[in-house]
């Protein structure tokens, strides 16, 4: 496992971090994100708190994280915590919170970390409502504090997810806040959460799952992907959606199309694209279902792993927090998502890989999984179906992933990754397949 050493020092304008990865680059970052070494970090990418520089750790690549470097987050958090500033900048910079109120010491009982998008905040307030209903002491408005944290994925909207590191872009800064104990737990759209979590943390709770299907939004009233006219421009930053669109309609063109739901709808209305796809769950949570032209069944567009599931992440040994969160968990959703994430992990999936998968638990306790992996141009599609007892959810997902991997062959996965490097994923229509 790669080792990472971190040394926290007091700089003239605050806290700075210097980190060295053997065999890799050495970099240092000042509190406001200035580049002090050869590692490029965006201006203003670090939060204005006493723990600014810990976020730099999470600029490591996904492969390094998966290889074990993720454990360095806990190491750095421990070293940085001793010099933690007693002053907190509230309601400005990259972190903000709702007004605080309280236990006997004037502190909130729980601090909830979330992204700042309208959908993420809707999910955070849904969490706050459920906690208040379940526990009387959490009912007062300030008993659960909501802290919004801007993530790299929220800031880098000009390029596709596959080009800037995949799923972890929406959780890295939240991981830092959790490890540093700036928040007690984080609320996630589970499809954004990497299969490898920061050591010492867990996805302890899954709320009852919303409708997992995707919707097609077409100002021209088109209801099926195959009916989109040749030359139509489809906005999507998802390789999963791109591959399945091309599989049924290779005559269209997929382009990078990112931003929150409101931003994408505004771009669609402005004529940037002819149609787009969104998760039905997000529209429903914001009471915006009227924008959906049609709801796509799994046979036409298999949804993303964990789509429609809200999860809570907390420290595995935080008994106080677990006491509040675990009772809210919905077991059938936990079993289905566990199966899907095991399938994804077996395929080493991230936003650079067109992988889809959905599991459903029936009333009799049985579980059925549908999985898919495809080339970005939709020319090659491998599907798998497995069923069994829901109590064996993880094994079912893992075995299904192994089956698809064996059927497709390692060369398929190698070629797919090479292809993604050559083509701006979900940004232009693939041309390689025409050869």
Foldseek 3Di string as FASTA:
>chain_A
DWDKDWAWDADPVAIKIWIDTVVDFTWMADQQGDTPGDDHTDGLQFFPFNQGHLLVQLLDAPVCVVVPSLQVSLVVLVNSLVRGDPDGDEPDRQKHKDDADDDPVRGAQFEEEWADDPLGVLQVVVVLVVLCVVDVCSVPPRNYMYMHGHFQVQVPQPAFQLVRHFLCRRCSVVLNCQSNVVGFKYKDLVLSDALDHRPQKDQQAKAPFDDFFKFKFAPVLDGALLPDDQAFEEEDSFLQQLLLSLQNHVRYKFAHQDDDPVRRVVCCVVPVGRMYMDTCLSCVSVVNNVRGSYTDDCVRRFGAQSGRIMTMMGGPPPVSVSVSHNVNHDVQSVLFNLLSSLLCVLQVDGRLWNKHKTKGADPVQKIKMKIWGAASSNPDIDIDIDMDGSVCSNVRSNVRNVVRCVVCDPVNVVVRNVQCVVDRRSHTRDDVVVD
